[in-house]
Amino acid sequence: MVRYLLVAVLLLMGFSTKANELQNFDQFIQNFYDQFSQRKLKQVSEQFFHPDAQFVFGDHIMVPGSPKEIESVFQSIMESLEKDDYQKSSIQNISTNYTGNKYVVAKIYFDRLKRNGEKLDSMCSVYSAVRLEGNWKILTWLPSKPEKPDSCF
């Protein structure tokens, strides 16, 4: 009986650890969107992305290669968004596919809002991320327009 109880506790601990990892990833991605919205592009580039991250924009694939180059990409994106009166992004849904204890693929559905509070548009982003030395780092980023009015796919 003690064996069964021990096995049950170990299984629950495993599920709890996995749930905590996902919760940590959800908070990580929320922090990324918050910092981007606050125009903290240097921090975003250094803290959230692996230096060799891949950005896949349709047929265009970029591998910036350093936090400074990643920051430059985000600066260009921010300049373009601000022309449309962009204020911030608001995550509507995070859907994760967790593989192992150090890798996740996540689909994020979010709204971009204007300074007056109106919705600028909705977007989807798919990220793959790895946990290195206790910290999540984004490896790939694939943004796209949603195929449905309220979800990515």
N, C-alpha and C. Protein backbone atom coordinates (compact mmCIF):
# COMPACT_ATOMS: atom_id res chain seq x y z
N MET A 1 0.81 -1.18 0.00
CA MET A 1 0.00 0.00 0.00
C MET A 1 0.86 1.26 0.00
N VAL A 2 1.93 1.22 0.78
CA VAL A 2 2.84 2.37 0.86
C VAL A 2 3.48 2.62 -0.51
N ARG A 3 3.79 1.53 -1.23
CA ARG A 3 4.38 1.66 -2.56
C ARG A 3 3.44 2.41 -3.51
N TYR A 4 2.16 2.03 -3.49
CA TYR A 4 1.18 2.67 -4.37
C TYR A 4 1.03 4.15 -4.03
N LEU A 5 1.04 4.44 -2.75
CA LEU A 5 0.94 5.83 -2.32
C LEU A 5 2.16 6.62 -2.77
N LEU A 6 3.34 6.03 -2.65
CA LEU A 6 4.58 6.68 -3.08
C LEU A 6 4.57 6.92 -4.58
N VAL A 7 4.14 5.93 -5.36
CA VAL A 7 4.05 6.08 -6.82
C VAL A 7 3.07 7.20 -7.17
N ALA A 8 1.93 7.24 -6.50
CA ALA A 8 0.93 8.28 -6.77
C ALA A 8 1.49 9.66 -6.46
N VAL A 9 2.20 9.79 -5.36
CA VAL A 9 2.79 11.09 -4.99
C VAL A 9 3.83 11.50 -6.02
N LEU A 10 4.67 10.58 -6.46
CA LEU A 10 5.68 10.90 -7.46
C LEU A 10 5.05 11.31 -8.79
N LEU A 11 3.98 10.63 -9.19
CA LEU A 11 3.28 11.02 -10.42
C LEU A 11 2.68 12.41 -10.29
N LEU A 12 2.06 12.69 -9.17
CA LEU A 12 1.49 14.02 -8.95
C LEU A 12 2.56 15.09 -8.95
N MET A 13 3.72 14.79 -8.38
CA MET A 13 4.82 15.76 -8.39
C MET A 13 5.28 16.02 -9.81
N GLY A 14 5.33 14.97 -10.63
CA GLY A 14 5.72 15.13 -12.03
C GLY A 14 4.74 16.00 -12.79
N PHE A 15 3.44 15.77 -12.59
CA PHE A 15 2.42 16.60 -13.25
C PHE A 15 2.48 18.03 -12.74
N SER A 16 2.72 18.18 -11.43
CA SER A 16 2.82 19.51 -10.84
C SER A 16 4.01 20.26 -11.42
N THR A 17 5.14 19.59 -11.57
CA THR A 17 6.34 20.23 -12.14
C THR A 17 6.06 20.67 -13.57
N LYS A 18 5.43 19.79 -14.35
CA LYS A 18 5.11 20.14 -15.72
C LYS A 18 4.16 21.34 -15.77
N ALA A 19 3.16 21.34 -14.91
CA ALA A 19 2.21 22.47 -14.85
C ALA A 19 2.94 23.75 -14.47
N ASN A 20 3.87 23.65 -13.52
CA ASN A 20 4.65 24.84 -13.12
C ASN A 20 5.51 25.34 -14.26
N GLU A 21 6.12 24.42 -15.01
CA GLU A 21 6.93 24.83 -16.17
C GLU A 21 6.07 25.59 -17.17
N LEU A 22 4.87 25.07 -17.46
CA LEU A 22 3.99 25.75 -18.40
C LEU A 22 3.54 27.09 -17.85
N GLN A 23 3.21 27.13 -16.57
CA GLN A 23 2.82 28.39 -15.97
C GLN A 23 3.98 29.38 -16.06
N ASN A 24 5.18 28.91 -15.81
CA ASN A 24 6.36 29.77 -15.94
C ASN A 24 6.50 30.27 -17.37
N PHE A 25 6.24 29.41 -18.35
CA PHE A 25 6.31 29.84 -19.74
C PHE A 25 5.23 30.87 -20.03
N ASP A 26 4.02 30.64 -19.56
CA ASP A 26 2.94 31.60 -19.78
C ASP A 26 3.31 32.97 -19.21
N GLN A 27 3.90 32.99 -18.02
CA GLN A 27 4.33 34.26 -17.42
C GLN A 27 5.47 34.87 -18.23
N PHE A 28 6.38 34.03 -18.69
CA PHE A 28 7.49 34.49 -19.52
C PHE A 28 6.98 35.18 -20.78
N ILE A 29 6.01 34.57 -21.46
CA ILE A 29 5.51 35.14 -22.71
C ILE A 29 4.69 36.40 -22.42
N GLN A 30 3.97 36.43 -21.31
CA GLN A 30 3.24 37.64 -20.91
C GLN A 30 4.22 38.78 -20.65
N ASN A 31 5.32 38.47 -19.96
CA ASN A 31 6.34 39.48 -19.70
C ASN A 31 6.95 40.00 -20.99
N PHE A 32 7.17 39.11 -21.94
CA PHE A 32 7.69 39.51 -23.25
C PHE A 32 6.76 40.52 -23.92
N TYR A 33 5.46 40.22 -23.97
CA TYR A 33 4.50 41.13 -24.59
C TYR A 33 4.41 42.46 -23.84
N ASP A 34 4.47 42.40 -22.51
CA ASP A 34 4.42 43.63 -21.71
C ASP A 34 5.64 44.51 -21.99
N GLN A 35 6.81 43.90 -22.01
CA GLN A 35 8.04 44.69 -22.24
C GLN A 35 8.09 45.24 -23.65
N PHE A 36 7.61 44.47 -24.62
CA PHE A 36 7.55 44.98 -25.99
C PHE A 36 6.60 46.18 -26.04
N SER A 37 5.44 46.07 -25.42
CA SER A 37 4.47 47.16 -25.40
C SER A 37 5.02 48.41 -24.72
N GLN A 38 5.91 48.20 -23.77
CA GLN A 38 6.53 49.33 -23.06
C GLN A 38 7.76 49.86 -23.80
N ARG A 39 8.02 49.31 -24.98
CA ARG A 39 9.14 49.74 -25.84
C ARG A 39 10.50 49.46 -25.22
N LYS A 40 10.58 48.43 -24.39
CA LYS A 40 11.85 48.03 -23.79
C LYS A 40 12.52 47.02 -24.73
N LEU A 41 12.86 47.49 -25.92
CA LEU A 41 13.31 46.60 -26.99
C LEU A 41 14.68 45.98 -26.72
N LYS A 42 15.54 46.69 -26.05
CA LYS A 42 16.86 46.11 -25.71
C LYS A 42 16.67 44.95 -24.74
N GLN A 43 15.84 45.15 -23.70
CA GLN A 43 15.58 44.08 -22.75
C GLN A 43 14.91 42.89 -23.44
N VAL A 44 13.94 43.18 -24.30
CA VAL A 44 13.25 42.11 -25.03
C VAL A 44 14.27 41.27 -25.80
N SER A 45 15.16 41.95 -26.48
CA SER A 45 16.15 41.27 -27.32
C SER A 45 17.11 40.43 -26.50
N GLU A 46 17.51 40.94 -25.35
CA GLU A 46 18.50 40.24 -24.53
C GLU A 46 17.89 39.15 -23.65
N GLN A 47 16.72 39.43 -23.09
CA GLN A 47 16.15 38.52 -22.09
C GLN A 47 15.29 37.41 -22.67
N PHE A 48 14.64 37.66 -23.79
CA PHE A 48 13.62 36.72 -24.25
C PHE A 48 14.03 35.87 -25.44
N PHE A 49 15.04 36.28 -26.17
CA PHE A 49 15.42 35.57 -27.40
C PHE A 49 16.81 34.97 -27.31
N HIS A 50 16.92 33.77 -27.84
CA HIS A 50 18.23 33.17 -28.04
C HIS A 50 18.93 33.99 -29.13
N PRO A 51 20.24 34.25 -29.01
CA PRO A 51 20.93 35.08 -30.02
C PRO A 51 20.79 34.55 -31.45
N ASP A 52 20.63 33.25 -31.61
CA ASP A 52 20.49 32.66 -32.94
C ASP A 52 19.04 32.33 -33.28
N ALA A 53 18.12 33.06 -32.70
CA ALA A 53 16.70 32.83 -32.97
C ALA A 53 16.40 33.04 -34.45
N GLN A 54 15.40 32.32 -34.92
CA GLN A 54 14.95 32.46 -36.31
C GLN A 54 13.62 33.19 -36.33
N PHE A 55 13.52 34.19 -37.18
CA PHE A 55 12.27 34.92 -37.40
C PHE A 55 11.78 34.51 -38.77
N VAL A 56 10.60 33.93 -38.83
CA VAL A 56 10.04 33.44 -40.09
C VAL A 56 8.82 34.29 -40.42
N PHE A 57 9.00 35.24 -41.34
CA PHE A 57 7.94 36.14 -41.77
C PHE A 57 7.51 35.71 -43.16
N GLY A 58 6.57 34.76 -43.23
CA GLY A 58 6.16 34.22 -44.52
C GLY A 58 7.33 33.51 -45.19
N ASP A 59 7.67 33.95 -46.39
CA ASP A 59 8.79 33.35 -47.11
C ASP A 59 10.14 33.93 -46.69
N HIS A 60 10.11 34.96 -45.86
CA HIS A 60 11.34 35.63 -45.45
C HIS A 60 11.81 35.08 -44.10
N ILE A 61 13.00 34.51 -44.06
CA ILE A 61 13.56 33.94 -42.83
C ILE A 61 14.80 34.74 -42.46
N MET A 62 14.83 35.19 -41.21
CA MET A 62 15.98 35.94 -40.71
C MET A 62 16.55 35.24 -39.49
N VAL A 63 17.86 35.27 -39.37
CA VAL A 63 18.56 34.80 -38.19
C VAL A 63 19.47 35.95 -37.75
N PRO A 64 18.94 36.85 -36.90
CA PRO A 64 19.69 38.05 -36.56
C PRO A 64 21.09 37.79 -36.02
N GLY A 65 21.28 36.83 -35.12
CA GLY A 65 22.62 36.46 -34.69
C GLY A 65 23.15 37.14 -33.45
N SER A 66 22.49 38.20 -32.97
CA SER A 66 22.94 38.86 -31.74
C SER A 66 21.78 39.67 -31.17
N PRO A 67 21.82 39.93 -29.86
CA PRO A 67 20.78 40.76 -29.27
C PRO A 67 20.66 42.14 -29.94
N LYS A 68 21.77 42.71 -30.36
CA LYS A 68 21.74 44.03 -31.00
C LYS A 68 20.98 43.95 -32.33
N GLU A 69 21.20 42.90 -33.09
CA GLU A 69 20.48 42.74 -34.36
C GLU A 69 19.00 42.43 -34.13
N ILE A 70 18.70 41.66 -33.10
CA ILE A 70 17.30 41.39 -32.74
C ILE A 70 16.62 42.70 -32.35
N GLU A 71 17.30 43.52 -31.56
CA GLU A 71 16.76 44.82 -31.17
C GLU A 71 16.47 45.67 -32.40
N SER A 72 17.34 45.63 -33.39
CA SER A 72 17.15 46.39 -34.62
C SER A 72 15.88 45.94 -35.36
N VAL A 73 15.64 44.64 -35.40
CA VAL A 73 14.42 44.11 -36.02
C VAL A 73 13.20 44.64 -35.28
N PHE A 74 13.23 44.57 -33.96
CA PHE A 74 12.10 45.05 -33.18
C PHE A 74 11.91 46.55 -33.30
N GLN A 75 12.99 47.29 -33.43
CA GLN A 75 12.88 48.73 -33.62
C GLN A 75 12.14 49.03 -34.93
N SER A 76 12.46 48.31 -35.98
CA SER A 76 11.76 48.49 -37.27
C SER A 76 10.28 48.15 -37.15
N ILE A 77 9.99 47.07 -36.45
CA ILE A 77 8.60 46.66 -36.25
C ILE A 77 7.85 47.73 -35.46
N MET A 78 8.48 48.22 -34.39
CA MET A 78 7.83 49.24 -33.56
C MET A 78 7.59 50.52 -34.34
N GLU A 79 8.53 50.95 -35.14
CA GLU A 79 8.35 52.16 -35.94
C GLU A 79 7.16 52.01 -36.89
N SER A 80 7.03 50.85 -37.49
CA SER A 80 5.91 50.60 -38.39
C SER A 80 4.58 50.60 -37.63
N LEU A 81 4.55 49.97 -36.46
CA LEU A 81 3.32 49.92 -35.66
C LEU A 81 2.92 51.31 -35.17
N GLU A 82 3.89 52.10 -34.77
CA GLU A 82 3.57 53.43 -34.25
C GLU A 82 2.98 54.35 -35.32
N LYS A 83 3.28 54.08 -36.57
CA LYS A 83 2.66 54.85 -37.66
C LYS A 83 1.15 54.61 -37.69
N ASP A 84 0.73 53.45 -37.17
CA ASP A 84 -0.70 53.12 -37.09
C ASP A 84 -1.28 53.42 -35.72
N ASP A 85 -0.57 54.21 -34.90
CA ASP A 85 -1.02 54.64 -33.59
C ASP A 85 -1.04 53.50 -32.56
N TYR A 86 -0.14 52.53 -32.72
CA TYR A 86 -0.05 51.40 -31.80
C TYR A 86 0.30 51.86 -30.38
N GLN A 87 -0.41 51.25 -29.41
CA GLN A 87 -0.07 51.48 -28.01
C GLN A 87 0.48 50.23 -27.34
N LYS A 88 -0.28 49.12 -27.46
CA LYS A 88 0.14 47.91 -26.75
C LYS A 88 -0.50 46.68 -27.36
N SER A 89 0.03 45.53 -26.94
CA SER A 89 -0.53 44.23 -27.33
C SER A 89 -1.16 43.58 -26.11
N SER A 90 -2.24 42.87 -26.35
CA SER A 90 -2.97 42.22 -25.28
C SER A 90 -3.22 40.76 -25.66
N ILE A 91 -2.62 39.85 -24.93
CA ILE A 91 -2.77 38.42 -25.20
C ILE A 91 -4.20 37.99 -24.90
N GLN A 92 -4.81 37.28 -25.85
CA GLN A 92 -6.16 36.75 -25.67
C GLN A 92 -6.15 35.26 -25.36
N ASN A 93 -5.13 34.55 -25.88
CA ASN A 93 -5.09 33.10 -25.69
C ASN A 93 -3.66 32.60 -25.86
N ILE A 94 -3.25 31.70 -24.98
CA ILE A 94 -1.97 31.01 -25.10
C ILE A 94 -2.28 29.52 -25.18
N SER A 95 -1.83 28.89 -26.25
CA SER A 95 -2.01 27.45 -26.41
C SER A 95 -0.62 26.83 -26.51
N THR A 96 -0.30 25.94 -25.58
CA THR A 96 1.04 25.39 -25.54
C THR A 96 1.05 23.90 -25.83
N ASN A 97 2.11 23.47 -26.47
CA ASN A 97 2.39 22.06 -26.68
C ASN A 97 3.76 21.83 -26.06
N TYR A 98 3.75 21.23 -24.91
CA TYR A 98 4.96 21.07 -24.11
C TYR A 98 5.61 19.73 -24.42
N THR A 99 6.88 19.75 -24.76
CA THR A 99 7.61 18.54 -25.07
C THR A 99 8.77 18.41 -24.10
N GLY A 100 8.74 17.36 -23.28
CA GLY A 100 9.80 17.21 -22.30
C GLY A 100 9.69 18.28 -21.24
N ASN A 101 10.78 18.52 -20.54
CA ASN A 101 10.74 19.52 -19.48
C ASN A 101 11.47 20.80 -19.84
N LYS A 102 11.95 20.89 -21.09
CA LYS A 102 12.73 22.08 -21.44
C LYS A 102 12.36 22.68 -22.79
N TYR A 103 11.29 22.22 -23.41
CA TYR A 103 10.96 22.71 -24.74
C TYR A 103 9.46 22.90 -24.87
N VAL A 104 9.07 23.99 -25.49
CA VAL A 104 7.65 24.26 -25.68
C VAL A 104 7.44 24.90 -27.04
N VAL A 105 6.32 24.57 -27.65
CA VAL A 105 5.85 25.27 -28.84
C VAL A 105 4.52 25.90 -28.42
N ALA A 106 4.41 27.21 -28.61
CA ALA A 106 3.23 27.93 -28.16
C ALA A 106 2.63 28.77 -29.27
N LYS A 107 1.31 28.79 -29.30
CA LYS A 107 0.57 29.62 -30.24
C LYS A 107 -0.10 30.71 -29.41
N ILE A 108 0.17 31.96 -29.76
CA ILE A 108 -0.36 33.10 -29.03
C ILE A 108 -1.29 33.87 -29.95
N TYR A 109 -2.53 34.07 -29.50
CA TYR A 109 -3.49 34.91 -30.21
C TYR A 109 -3.58 36.22 -29.42
N PHE A 110 -3.34 37.35 -30.09
CA PHE A 110 -3.34 38.61 -29.36
C PHE A 110 -3.92 39.74 -30.20
N ASP A 111 -4.37 40.76 -29.50
CA ASP A 111 -4.87 41.98 -30.13
C ASP A 111 -3.83 43.06 -29.98
N ARG A 112 -3.72 43.90 -30.99
CA ARG A 112 -2.90 45.10 -30.89
C ARG A 112 -3.86 46.27 -30.79
N LEU A 113 -3.61 47.13 -29.81
CA LEU A 113 -4.52 48.23 -29.52
C LEU A 113 -3.88 49.57 -29.85
N LYS A 114 -4.74 50.49 -30.28
CA LYS A 114 -4.30 51.86 -30.57
C LYS A 114 -4.28 52.67 -29.27
N ARG A 115 -3.71 53.84 -29.34
CA ARG A 115 -3.63 54.74 -28.18
C ARG A 115 -5.02 55.13 -27.66
N ASN A 116 -6.02 55.19 -28.54
CA ASN A 116 -7.37 55.56 -28.11
C ASN A 116 -8.16 54.35 -27.59
N GLY A 117 -7.53 53.18 -27.50
CA GLY A 117 -8.17 51.98 -26.98
C GLY A 117 -8.83 51.10 -28.02
N GLU A 118 -8.98 51.61 -29.25
CA GLU A 118 -9.56 50.80 -30.32
C GLU A 118 -8.59 49.70 -30.74
N LYS A 119 -9.17 48.62 -31.24
CA LYS A 119 -8.34 47.52 -31.72
C LYS A 119 -7.75 47.88 -33.08
N LEU A 120 -6.44 47.80 -33.18
CA LEU A 120 -5.73 48.00 -34.44
C LEU A 120 -5.92 46.76 -35.32
N ASP A 121 -5.63 45.59 -34.75
CA ASP A 121 -5.82 44.32 -35.44
C ASP A 121 -5.59 43.18 -34.45
N SER A 122 -5.75 41.98 -34.94
CA SER A 122 -5.44 40.77 -34.17
C SER A 122 -4.35 40.03 -34.92
N MET A 123 -3.52 39.34 -34.18
CA MET A 123 -2.41 38.59 -34.78
C MET A 123 -2.23 37.26 -34.06
N CYS A 124 -1.49 36.40 -34.72
CA CYS A 124 -1.07 35.13 -34.13
C CYS A 124 0.45 35.07 -34.20
N SER A 125 1.03 34.46 -33.22
CA SER A 125 2.46 34.18 -33.26
C SER A 125 2.67 32.79 -32.71
N VAL A 126 3.48 32.03 -33.41
CA VAL A 126 3.89 30.71 -32.94
C VAL A 126 5.36 30.83 -32.54
N TYR A 127 5.66 30.37 -31.34
CA TYR A 127 7.02 30.41 -30.82
C TYR A 127 7.46 29.01 -30.44
N SER A 128 8.71 28.72 -30.65
CA SER A 128 9.33 27.58 -29.99
C SER A 128 10.32 28.18 -29.00
N ALA A 129 10.38 27.57 -27.84
CA ALA A 129 11.27 28.09 -26.80
C ALA A 129 11.91 26.93 -26.06
N VAL A 130 13.09 27.20 -25.54
CA VAL A 130 13.83 26.20 -24.78
C VAL A 130 14.21 26.80 -23.43
N ARG A 131 14.27 25.94 -22.44
CA ARG A 131 14.68 26.37 -21.10
C ARG A 131 16.17 26.09 -20.96
N LEU A 132 16.96 27.17 -20.89
CA LEU A 132 18.41 27.05 -20.76
C LEU A 132 18.84 27.70 -19.45
N GLU A 133 19.57 26.96 -18.65
CA GLU A 133 20.07 27.47 -17.37
C GLU A 133 18.94 28.10 -16.55
N GLY A 134 17.76 27.47 -16.59
CA GLY A 134 16.63 27.91 -15.79
C GLY A 134 15.80 29.02 -16.40
N ASN A 135 16.16 29.51 -17.58
CA ASN A 135 15.44 30.61 -18.21
C ASN A 135 14.94 30.22 -19.59
N TRP A 136 13.72 30.64 -19.91
CA TRP A 136 13.18 30.41 -21.24
C TRP A 136 13.83 31.34 -22.24
N LYS A 137 14.09 30.83 -23.44
CA LYS A 137 14.61 31.62 -24.56
C LYS A 137 13.84 31.21 -25.81
N ILE A 138 13.37 32.20 -26.54
CA ILE A 138 12.65 31.94 -27.78
C ILE A 138 13.65 31.57 -28.86
N LEU A 139 13.36 30.45 -29.55
CA LEU A 139 14.22 29.97 -30.64
C LEU A 139 13.66 30.36 -32.00
N THR A 140 12.34 30.28 -32.16
CA THR A 140 11.72 30.64 -33.44
C THR A 140 10.48 31.47 -33.19
N TRP A 141 10.21 32.35 -34.15
CA TRP A 141 9.03 33.21 -34.09
C TRP A 141 8.41 33.24 -35.48
N LEU A 142 7.14 32.84 -35.56
CA LEU A 142 6.39 32.82 -36.80
C LEU A 142 5.10 33.61 -36.63
N PRO A 143 5.09 34.90 -36.97
CA PRO A 143 3.86 35.69 -36.87
C PRO A 143 2.97 35.47 -38.09
N SER A 144 1.66 35.61 -37.90
CA SER A 144 0.73 35.48 -39.02
C SER A 144 -0.59 36.16 -38.67
N LYS A 145 -1.37 36.42 -39.68
CA LYS A 145 -2.73 36.92 -39.49
C LYS A 145 -3.60 35.73 -39.09
N PRO A 146 -4.58 35.94 -38.20
CA PRO A 146 -5.48 34.84 -37.83
C PRO A 146 -6.36 34.42 -39.02
N GLU A 147 -6.66 33.14 -39.06
CA GLU A 147 -7.53 32.62 -40.12
C GLU A 147 -9.00 32.74 -39.74
N LYS A 148 -9.28 32.91 -38.44
CA LYS A 148 -10.64 33.06 -37.94
C LYS A 148 -10.71 34.35 -37.13
N PRO A 149 -11.89 34.93 -36.97
CA PRO A 149 -12.01 36.20 -36.25
C PRO A 149 -11.56 36.14 -34.77
N ASP A 150 -11.56 34.96 -34.17
CA ASP A 150 -11.24 34.89 -32.76
C ASP A 150 -10.19 33.83 -32.40
N SER A 151 -9.50 33.29 -33.41
CA SER A 151 -8.46 32.32 -33.13
C SER A 151 -7.49 32.23 -34.30
N CYS A 152 -6.37 31.62 -34.05
CA CYS A 152 -5.30 31.56 -35.06
C CYS A 152 -5.64 30.62 -36.21
N PHE A 153 -6.15 29.44 -35.88
CA PHE A 153 -6.36 28.44 -36.92
C PHE A 153 -7.76 27.86 -36.84
